[in-house]
N, C-alpha and C. Protein backbone atom coordinates (compact mmCIF):
# COMPACT_ATOMS: atom_id res chain seq x y z
N MET A 1 17.53 -5.28 -17.62
CA MET A 1 18.45 -4.19 -17.38
C MET A 1 17.98 -3.32 -16.20
N PHE A 2 16.68 -2.98 -16.16
CA PHE A 2 16.17 -2.14 -15.07
C PHE A 2 16.40 -2.80 -13.72
N ILE A 3 16.07 -4.07 -13.63
CA ILE A 3 16.17 -4.77 -12.34
C ILE A 3 17.62 -4.85 -11.90
N ARG A 4 18.50 -5.14 -12.81
CA ARG A 4 19.93 -5.20 -12.48
C ARG A 4 20.43 -3.83 -12.02
N ASN A 5 20.02 -2.78 -12.68
CA ASN A 5 20.45 -1.44 -12.31
C ASN A 5 19.87 -0.99 -10.96
N LEU A 6 18.64 -1.44 -10.66
CA LEU A 6 18.05 -1.09 -9.37
C LEU A 6 18.81 -1.71 -8.22
N SER A 7 19.37 -2.87 -8.45
CA SER A 7 20.11 -3.54 -7.38
C SER A 7 21.61 -3.28 -7.46
N ALA A 8 22.01 -2.32 -8.27
CA ALA A 8 23.44 -2.03 -8.46
C ALA A 8 24.11 -1.52 -7.19
N GLY A 9 23.34 -0.84 -6.34
CA GLY A 9 23.93 -0.29 -5.13
C GLY A 9 24.61 1.05 -5.35
N ASP A 10 24.76 1.44 -6.58
CA ASP A 10 25.38 2.71 -6.95
C ASP A 10 24.25 3.75 -7.06
N GLU A 11 24.22 4.69 -6.13
CA GLU A 11 23.09 5.62 -6.05
C GLU A 11 22.80 6.35 -7.36
N PRO A 12 23.78 6.92 -8.04
CA PRO A 12 23.46 7.60 -9.31
C PRO A 12 22.83 6.67 -10.35
N THR A 13 23.32 5.44 -10.41
CA THR A 13 22.76 4.47 -11.36
C THR A 13 21.32 4.14 -10.99
N VAL A 14 21.08 3.93 -9.71
CA VAL A 14 19.73 3.59 -9.25
C VAL A 14 18.78 4.77 -9.52
N LEU A 15 19.20 5.97 -9.20
CA LEU A 15 18.35 7.14 -9.44
C LEU A 15 18.06 7.33 -10.93
N ARG A 16 19.05 7.14 -11.76
CA ARG A 16 18.87 7.26 -13.21
C ARG A 16 17.89 6.18 -13.70
N THR A 17 18.00 4.99 -13.13
CA THR A 17 17.10 3.89 -13.51
C THR A 17 15.66 4.20 -13.12
N ILE A 18 15.48 4.79 -11.95
CA ILE A 18 14.12 5.16 -11.52
C ILE A 18 13.51 6.16 -12.49
N VAL A 19 14.30 7.11 -12.95
CA VAL A 19 13.83 8.09 -13.94
C VAL A 19 13.44 7.38 -15.23
N GLU A 20 14.25 6.41 -15.66
CA GLU A 20 13.94 5.66 -16.88
C GLU A 20 12.66 4.83 -16.71
N ILE A 21 12.50 4.23 -15.53
CA ILE A 21 11.30 3.43 -15.27
C ILE A 21 10.07 4.32 -15.30
N ARG A 22 10.21 5.53 -14.78
CA ARG A 22 9.08 6.47 -14.78
C ARG A 22 8.59 6.72 -16.20
N SER A 23 9.49 6.79 -17.16
CA SER A 23 9.08 7.10 -18.53
C SER A 23 8.78 5.87 -19.38
N SER A 24 9.37 4.72 -19.05
CA SER A 24 9.14 3.58 -19.93
C SER A 24 9.01 2.24 -19.19
N GLY A 25 8.71 2.30 -17.91
CA GLY A 25 8.59 1.07 -17.13
C GLY A 25 7.23 0.41 -17.30
N ASN A 26 7.08 -0.71 -16.63
CA ASN A 26 5.80 -1.41 -16.64
C ASN A 26 5.55 -2.00 -15.25
N PRO A 27 4.33 -2.43 -14.99
CA PRO A 27 3.96 -2.91 -13.65
C PRO A 27 4.80 -4.09 -13.15
N ARG A 28 5.39 -4.84 -14.05
CA ARG A 28 6.23 -5.97 -13.62
C ARG A 28 7.45 -5.51 -12.83
N LEU A 29 7.79 -4.23 -12.91
CA LEU A 29 8.96 -3.72 -12.20
C LEU A 29 8.64 -3.30 -10.76
N ILE A 30 7.37 -3.28 -10.40
CA ILE A 30 6.96 -2.84 -9.06
C ILE A 30 7.67 -3.64 -7.95
N PRO A 31 7.68 -4.98 -8.02
CA PRO A 31 8.37 -5.72 -6.94
C PRO A 31 9.85 -5.34 -6.80
N ALA A 32 10.52 -5.11 -7.91
CA ALA A 32 11.93 -4.72 -7.85
C ALA A 32 12.09 -3.33 -7.24
N LEU A 33 11.18 -2.42 -7.57
CA LEU A 33 11.23 -1.09 -6.98
C LEU A 33 11.01 -1.15 -5.46
N VAL A 34 10.03 -1.93 -5.04
CA VAL A 34 9.74 -2.05 -3.61
C VAL A 34 10.91 -2.73 -2.89
N ARG A 35 11.48 -3.74 -3.51
CA ARG A 35 12.65 -4.41 -2.93
C ARG A 35 13.82 -3.43 -2.78
N THR A 36 14.05 -2.61 -3.80
CA THR A 36 15.11 -1.60 -3.73
C THR A 36 14.82 -0.61 -2.62
N PHE A 37 13.56 -0.19 -2.51
CA PHE A 37 13.15 0.72 -1.45
C PHE A 37 13.50 0.12 -0.08
N ALA A 38 13.20 -1.15 0.10
CA ALA A 38 13.43 -1.81 1.38
C ALA A 38 14.90 -2.03 1.68
N GLU A 39 15.70 -2.22 0.65
CA GLU A 39 17.11 -2.59 0.86
C GLU A 39 18.07 -1.41 0.89
N THR A 40 17.70 -0.31 0.27
CA THR A 40 18.64 0.81 0.16
C THR A 40 18.73 1.60 1.46
N ARG A 41 19.85 2.23 1.65
CA ARG A 41 20.02 3.17 2.77
C ARG A 41 19.90 4.61 2.28
N SER A 42 19.82 4.78 0.98
CA SER A 42 19.78 6.11 0.39
C SER A 42 18.40 6.75 0.53
N LYS A 43 18.34 7.88 1.21
CA LYS A 43 17.08 8.61 1.35
C LYS A 43 16.61 9.12 -0.01
N SER A 44 17.56 9.52 -0.85
CA SER A 44 17.19 10.01 -2.19
C SER A 44 16.52 8.93 -3.01
N VAL A 45 17.06 7.73 -2.96
CA VAL A 45 16.48 6.61 -3.71
C VAL A 45 15.09 6.30 -3.16
N ARG A 46 14.98 6.22 -1.85
CA ARG A 46 13.67 5.94 -1.24
C ARG A 46 12.65 7.00 -1.64
N ASN A 47 13.03 8.26 -1.55
CA ASN A 47 12.11 9.35 -1.91
C ASN A 47 11.67 9.26 -3.36
N GLU A 48 12.59 8.98 -4.25
CA GLU A 48 12.25 8.89 -5.67
C GLU A 48 11.31 7.72 -5.94
N ILE A 49 11.53 6.62 -5.25
CA ILE A 49 10.63 5.47 -5.43
C ILE A 49 9.24 5.81 -4.90
N LEU A 50 9.16 6.45 -3.74
CA LEU A 50 7.86 6.85 -3.20
C LEU A 50 7.12 7.80 -4.15
N ILE A 51 7.85 8.76 -4.69
CA ILE A 51 7.24 9.71 -5.62
C ILE A 51 6.73 8.98 -6.87
N LEU A 52 7.53 8.06 -7.37
CA LEU A 52 7.12 7.28 -8.54
C LEU A 52 5.85 6.48 -8.23
N LEU A 53 5.80 5.84 -7.08
CA LEU A 53 4.62 5.04 -6.72
C LEU A 53 3.39 5.92 -6.51
N MET A 54 3.57 7.11 -5.94
CA MET A 54 2.43 8.02 -5.76
C MET A 54 1.88 8.50 -7.10
N ASP A 55 2.76 8.58 -8.08
CA ASP A 55 2.36 9.08 -9.39
C ASP A 55 1.82 8.00 -10.33
N LEU A 56 1.77 6.76 -9.86
CA LEU A 56 1.27 5.67 -10.71
C LEU A 56 -0.13 5.97 -11.20
N LYS A 57 -0.38 5.71 -12.45
CA LYS A 57 -1.71 5.89 -13.02
C LYS A 57 -2.13 4.67 -13.82
N VAL A 58 -1.39 3.59 -13.69
CA VAL A 58 -1.66 2.35 -14.43
C VAL A 58 -2.30 1.36 -13.47
N GLN A 59 -3.56 1.06 -13.70
CA GLN A 59 -4.31 0.19 -12.80
C GLN A 59 -3.67 -1.20 -12.66
N GLU A 60 -2.99 -1.66 -13.69
CA GLU A 60 -2.36 -2.98 -13.64
C GLU A 60 -1.23 -3.04 -12.61
N ALA A 61 -0.81 -1.90 -12.10
CA ALA A 61 0.25 -1.86 -11.08
C ALA A 61 -0.26 -2.22 -9.70
N VAL A 62 -1.57 -2.20 -9.49
CA VAL A 62 -2.13 -2.39 -8.15
C VAL A 62 -1.82 -3.78 -7.57
N PRO A 63 -2.14 -4.88 -8.27
CA PRO A 63 -1.88 -6.20 -7.65
C PRO A 63 -0.41 -6.42 -7.26
N PRO A 64 0.55 -6.15 -8.15
CA PRO A 64 1.94 -6.37 -7.72
C PRO A 64 2.38 -5.41 -6.62
N LEU A 65 1.82 -4.20 -6.59
CA LEU A 65 2.16 -3.25 -5.54
C LEU A 65 1.67 -3.74 -4.19
N VAL A 66 0.42 -4.17 -4.12
CA VAL A 66 -0.14 -4.66 -2.86
C VAL A 66 0.65 -5.87 -2.38
N GLU A 67 0.90 -6.78 -3.28
CA GLU A 67 1.65 -7.98 -2.90
C GLU A 67 3.04 -7.62 -2.38
N ALA A 68 3.72 -6.73 -3.06
CA ALA A 68 5.08 -6.35 -2.65
C ALA A 68 5.08 -5.60 -1.32
N ILE A 69 4.12 -4.73 -1.12
CA ILE A 69 4.05 -3.95 0.12
C ILE A 69 3.93 -4.86 1.33
N PHE A 70 3.06 -5.85 1.23
CA PHE A 70 2.80 -6.68 2.40
C PHE A 70 3.83 -7.80 2.59
N GLN A 71 4.87 -7.78 1.77
CA GLN A 71 6.02 -8.65 2.00
C GLN A 71 7.11 -7.91 2.76
N ILE A 72 6.96 -6.61 2.92
CA ILE A 72 7.94 -5.80 3.64
C ILE A 72 7.74 -5.98 5.13
N SER A 73 8.80 -6.32 5.84
CA SER A 73 8.67 -6.56 7.28
C SER A 73 8.91 -5.30 8.12
N ASN A 74 9.64 -4.35 7.58
CA ASN A 74 9.92 -3.12 8.33
C ASN A 74 8.65 -2.26 8.39
N PRO A 75 8.11 -2.02 9.59
CA PRO A 75 6.83 -1.30 9.69
C PRO A 75 6.87 0.13 9.15
N GLU A 76 7.96 0.84 9.34
CA GLU A 76 8.03 2.22 8.84
C GLU A 76 8.07 2.24 7.32
N GLN A 77 8.82 1.32 6.74
CA GLN A 77 8.87 1.25 5.28
C GLN A 77 7.51 0.86 4.72
N ARG A 78 6.88 -0.14 5.34
CA ARG A 78 5.56 -0.57 4.86
C ARG A 78 4.57 0.59 4.96
N ARG A 79 4.63 1.35 6.05
CA ARG A 79 3.73 2.51 6.22
C ARG A 79 3.94 3.52 5.09
N ASP A 80 5.18 3.83 4.78
CA ASP A 80 5.46 4.77 3.69
C ASP A 80 4.91 4.27 2.36
N LEU A 81 5.07 2.98 2.12
CA LEU A 81 4.58 2.40 0.87
C LEU A 81 3.05 2.37 0.83
N ILE A 82 2.41 2.08 1.95
CA ILE A 82 0.94 2.08 2.00
C ILE A 82 0.42 3.48 1.69
N SER A 83 1.10 4.50 2.17
CA SER A 83 0.63 5.87 1.93
C SER A 83 0.62 6.20 0.44
N THR A 84 1.51 5.58 -0.34
CA THR A 84 1.52 5.85 -1.78
C THR A 84 0.25 5.34 -2.45
N CYS A 85 -0.38 4.34 -1.85
CA CYS A 85 -1.58 3.75 -2.45
C CYS A 85 -2.74 4.74 -2.48
N TRP A 86 -3.03 5.34 -1.33
CA TRP A 86 -4.15 6.29 -1.35
C TRP A 86 -3.78 7.56 -2.09
N GLN A 87 -2.50 7.91 -2.07
CA GLN A 87 -2.08 9.13 -2.77
C GLN A 87 -2.11 8.96 -4.29
N SER A 88 -1.96 7.74 -4.77
CA SER A 88 -1.97 7.50 -6.22
C SER A 88 -3.36 7.68 -6.82
N GLY A 89 -4.39 7.46 -6.02
CA GLY A 89 -5.74 7.57 -6.54
C GLY A 89 -6.19 6.36 -7.35
N LEU A 90 -5.39 5.32 -7.40
CA LEU A 90 -5.76 4.12 -8.14
C LEU A 90 -6.85 3.35 -7.39
N ASN A 91 -7.49 2.45 -8.10
CA ASN A 91 -8.58 1.66 -7.55
C ASN A 91 -8.01 0.41 -6.85
N PHE A 92 -8.07 0.39 -5.53
CA PHE A 92 -7.60 -0.74 -4.74
C PHE A 92 -8.75 -1.57 -4.20
N SER A 93 -9.96 -1.33 -4.68
CA SER A 93 -11.16 -1.96 -4.10
C SER A 93 -11.10 -3.49 -4.10
N ALA A 94 -10.48 -4.09 -5.07
CA ALA A 94 -10.40 -5.56 -5.12
C ALA A 94 -9.27 -6.10 -4.25
N HIS A 95 -8.53 -5.22 -3.61
CA HIS A 95 -7.34 -5.63 -2.85
C HIS A 95 -7.31 -5.03 -1.45
N LEU A 96 -8.46 -4.81 -0.84
CA LEU A 96 -8.50 -4.12 0.45
C LEU A 96 -8.31 -5.03 1.67
N THR A 97 -8.50 -6.31 1.52
CA THR A 97 -8.38 -7.20 2.68
C THR A 97 -7.03 -7.07 3.39
N PRO A 98 -5.89 -7.03 2.68
CA PRO A 98 -4.62 -6.87 3.39
C PRO A 98 -4.52 -5.55 4.16
N PHE A 99 -5.19 -4.52 3.66
CA PHE A 99 -5.17 -3.24 4.35
C PHE A 99 -6.00 -3.31 5.64
N VAL A 100 -7.13 -4.02 5.60
CA VAL A 100 -7.93 -4.20 6.81
C VAL A 100 -7.14 -5.03 7.83
N GLU A 101 -6.50 -6.10 7.35
CA GLU A 101 -5.69 -6.93 8.25
C GLU A 101 -4.55 -6.13 8.87
N SER A 102 -3.93 -5.29 8.08
CA SER A 102 -2.85 -4.43 8.58
C SER A 102 -3.39 -3.43 9.60
N LEU A 103 -4.55 -2.84 9.32
CA LEU A 103 -5.17 -1.91 10.25
C LEU A 103 -5.39 -2.60 11.60
N LEU A 104 -5.78 -3.84 11.57
CA LEU A 104 -6.07 -4.59 12.79
C LEU A 104 -4.81 -5.01 13.55
N ASN A 105 -3.70 -5.14 12.85
CA ASN A 105 -2.51 -5.74 13.46
C ASN A 105 -1.32 -4.82 13.65
N ASP A 106 -1.30 -3.70 12.95
CA ASP A 106 -0.11 -2.84 13.00
C ASP A 106 -0.32 -1.65 13.94
N ASP A 107 0.69 -0.82 14.04
CA ASP A 107 0.63 0.34 14.93
C ASP A 107 -0.34 1.39 14.39
N TYR A 108 -0.61 2.39 15.21
CA TYR A 108 -1.61 3.40 14.86
C TYR A 108 -1.27 4.14 13.57
N ALA A 109 -0.01 4.55 13.42
CA ALA A 109 0.37 5.32 12.24
C ALA A 109 0.14 4.51 10.96
N THR A 110 0.48 3.24 10.98
CA THR A 110 0.25 2.38 9.81
C THR A 110 -1.25 2.16 9.62
N ALA A 111 -1.96 1.94 10.71
CA ALA A 111 -3.41 1.73 10.63
C ALA A 111 -4.10 2.95 10.02
N LEU A 112 -3.60 4.13 10.32
CA LEU A 112 -4.17 5.35 9.75
C LEU A 112 -3.97 5.39 8.23
N GLU A 113 -2.80 4.97 7.77
CA GLU A 113 -2.56 4.89 6.32
C GLU A 113 -3.47 3.84 5.68
N ASP A 114 -3.60 2.69 6.35
CA ASP A 114 -4.50 1.64 5.85
C ASP A 114 -5.92 2.19 5.75
N PHE A 115 -6.36 2.87 6.79
CA PHE A 115 -7.71 3.45 6.82
C PHE A 115 -7.91 4.39 5.62
N SER A 116 -6.90 5.18 5.32
CA SER A 116 -7.00 6.12 4.19
C SER A 116 -7.18 5.38 2.88
N VAL A 117 -6.43 4.30 2.68
CA VAL A 117 -6.58 3.51 1.45
C VAL A 117 -8.01 2.95 1.37
N ILE A 118 -8.46 2.38 2.47
CA ILE A 118 -9.79 1.77 2.49
C ILE A 118 -10.87 2.82 2.26
N GLU A 119 -10.79 3.91 3.00
CA GLU A 119 -11.80 4.97 2.89
C GLU A 119 -11.89 5.54 1.47
N ASN A 120 -10.74 5.68 0.82
CA ASN A 120 -10.72 6.23 -0.54
C ASN A 120 -11.27 5.27 -1.58
N ASN A 121 -11.51 4.02 -1.19
CA ASN A 121 -12.00 3.03 -2.14
C ASN A 121 -13.39 2.50 -1.80
N LEU A 122 -13.98 2.97 -0.71
CA LEU A 122 -15.29 2.47 -0.29
C LEU A 122 -16.36 2.63 -1.36
N HIS A 123 -16.34 3.74 -2.05
CA HIS A 123 -17.37 4.00 -3.06
C HIS A 123 -17.30 3.05 -4.25
N ARG A 124 -16.21 2.30 -4.34
CA ARG A 124 -16.03 1.38 -5.47
C ARG A 124 -16.42 -0.06 -5.13
N LEU A 125 -16.78 -0.32 -3.89
CA LEU A 125 -17.02 -1.68 -3.44
C LEU A 125 -18.40 -2.19 -3.84
N ASN A 126 -18.44 -3.48 -4.17
CA ASN A 126 -19.73 -4.12 -4.38
C ASN A 126 -20.15 -4.81 -3.08
N THR A 127 -21.34 -5.35 -3.06
CA THR A 127 -21.91 -5.93 -1.84
C THR A 127 -21.03 -7.07 -1.29
N ASP A 128 -20.56 -7.94 -2.15
CA ASP A 128 -19.72 -9.06 -1.70
C ASP A 128 -18.41 -8.57 -1.10
N GLN A 129 -17.81 -7.56 -1.69
CA GLN A 129 -16.57 -7.01 -1.14
C GLN A 129 -16.81 -6.38 0.23
N ILE A 130 -17.92 -5.67 0.37
CA ILE A 130 -18.26 -5.06 1.66
C ILE A 130 -18.41 -6.15 2.72
N ARG A 131 -19.16 -7.20 2.39
CA ARG A 131 -19.36 -8.30 3.34
C ARG A 131 -18.03 -8.95 3.73
N GLY A 132 -17.16 -9.13 2.74
CA GLY A 132 -15.86 -9.74 3.01
C GLY A 132 -15.02 -8.89 3.96
N LEU A 133 -15.03 -7.59 3.75
CA LEU A 133 -14.28 -6.69 4.63
C LEU A 133 -14.91 -6.64 6.02
N GLN A 134 -16.22 -6.67 6.08
CA GLN A 134 -16.90 -6.69 7.38
C GLN A 134 -16.53 -7.96 8.15
N GLU A 135 -16.45 -9.07 7.45
CA GLU A 135 -16.09 -10.34 8.09
C GLU A 135 -14.64 -10.30 8.59
N THR A 136 -13.74 -9.80 7.78
CA THR A 136 -12.34 -9.67 8.20
C THR A 136 -12.22 -8.79 9.43
N LEU A 137 -12.93 -7.69 9.40
CA LEU A 137 -12.93 -6.76 10.53
C LEU A 137 -13.51 -7.42 11.78
N LYS A 138 -14.62 -8.12 11.63
CA LYS A 138 -15.28 -8.78 12.75
C LYS A 138 -14.36 -9.84 13.38
N GLU A 139 -13.64 -10.59 12.54
CA GLU A 139 -12.75 -11.64 13.04
C GLU A 139 -11.57 -11.08 13.83
N GLY A 140 -11.08 -9.91 13.45
CA GLY A 140 -9.88 -9.39 14.08
C GLY A 140 -10.07 -8.32 15.13
N ILE A 141 -11.27 -7.78 15.23
CA ILE A 141 -11.48 -6.61 16.08
C ILE A 141 -11.29 -6.91 17.57
N ALA A 142 -11.50 -8.13 17.99
CA ALA A 142 -11.36 -8.47 19.41
C ALA A 142 -9.91 -8.44 19.88
N HIS A 143 -8.99 -8.51 18.95
CA HIS A 143 -7.57 -8.64 19.32
C HIS A 143 -6.72 -7.42 18.95
N ILE A 144 -7.37 -6.31 18.64
CA ILE A 144 -6.59 -5.16 18.19
C ILE A 144 -6.08 -4.34 19.37
N ARG A 145 -5.08 -3.53 19.09
CA ARG A 145 -4.55 -2.61 20.09
C ARG A 145 -5.59 -1.53 20.38
N GLU A 146 -5.63 -1.10 21.62
CA GLU A 146 -6.60 -0.07 22.01
C GLU A 146 -6.44 1.20 21.19
N GLU A 147 -5.21 1.56 20.86
CA GLU A 147 -4.99 2.80 20.10
C GLU A 147 -5.62 2.74 18.71
N VAL A 148 -5.81 1.55 18.18
CA VAL A 148 -6.35 1.38 16.83
C VAL A 148 -7.86 1.18 16.85
N ARG A 149 -8.41 0.86 17.99
CA ARG A 149 -9.84 0.57 18.11
C ARG A 149 -10.74 1.66 17.51
N PRO A 150 -10.47 2.97 17.75
CA PRO A 150 -11.35 3.99 17.14
C PRO A 150 -11.37 3.92 15.61
N LEU A 151 -10.23 3.62 15.00
CA LEU A 151 -10.20 3.50 13.53
C LEU A 151 -11.01 2.29 13.08
N ALA A 152 -10.85 1.19 13.78
CA ALA A 152 -11.61 -0.02 13.44
C ALA A 152 -13.10 0.21 13.62
N ASN A 153 -13.47 0.88 14.70
CA ASN A 153 -14.89 1.19 14.93
C ASN A 153 -15.45 2.10 13.83
N GLN A 154 -14.66 3.09 13.43
CA GLN A 154 -15.09 3.99 12.36
C GLN A 154 -15.24 3.24 11.04
N LEU A 155 -14.31 2.34 10.77
CA LEU A 155 -14.40 1.54 9.55
C LEU A 155 -15.64 0.65 9.59
N GLU A 156 -15.92 0.10 10.73
CA GLU A 156 -17.11 -0.73 10.89
C GLU A 156 -18.37 0.09 10.56
N ILE A 157 -18.43 1.32 11.04
CA ILE A 157 -19.57 2.20 10.78
C ILE A 157 -19.66 2.52 9.28
N LEU A 158 -18.53 2.87 8.69
CA LEU A 158 -18.53 3.21 7.25
C LEU A 158 -18.99 2.03 6.40
N LEU A 159 -18.50 0.84 6.71
CA LEU A 159 -18.91 -0.34 5.94
C LEU A 159 -20.40 -0.63 6.14
N SER A 160 -20.87 -0.44 7.35
CA SER A 160 -22.29 -0.65 7.63
C SER A 160 -23.15 0.37 6.86
N ASP A 161 -22.70 1.62 6.85
CA ASP A 161 -23.45 2.68 6.16
C ASP A 161 -23.57 2.41 4.66
N ILE A 162 -22.49 1.95 4.05
CA ILE A 162 -22.54 1.76 2.59
C ILE A 162 -23.22 0.45 2.21
N SER A 163 -23.39 -0.45 3.17
CA SER A 163 -24.05 -1.71 2.84
C SER A 163 -25.57 -1.60 2.91
N GLU A 164 -26.07 -0.49 3.44
CA GLU A 164 -27.52 -0.32 3.58
C GLU A 164 -28.16 0.15 2.29
């Protein structure tokens, strides 16, 4: 019922469904919420979805959220969705590689959001995760945009500092 209502196209129905999901939804609905966010033209619907994602407190929502975010092709929408990750305060430490890849490949504004997600999760990383992120960064740093280079360099320093 939730998924059907999210794709109804009727703004009041979609908004009412988002409110219902907030009180009784589950992480399996994340892909449908992100899809609705990407497909709707309604600013109200988009805002409510962003607020809902920022307010997430269920750790099980992280994997489907990360997967759904990086399926979005619109850079501005993806940037808005990435910002909900660091604002939620959830633990993304096991899912940081796509954020590093995005930092290396996307525009500065998106890279800044990626950096925020990564920075907010550095204290949760184990040695293997740090090495993996360092390797991803090392592989992509030669091909990044100049505007993003300072963020990548700062991330490189932060990862080096916590690995010591």
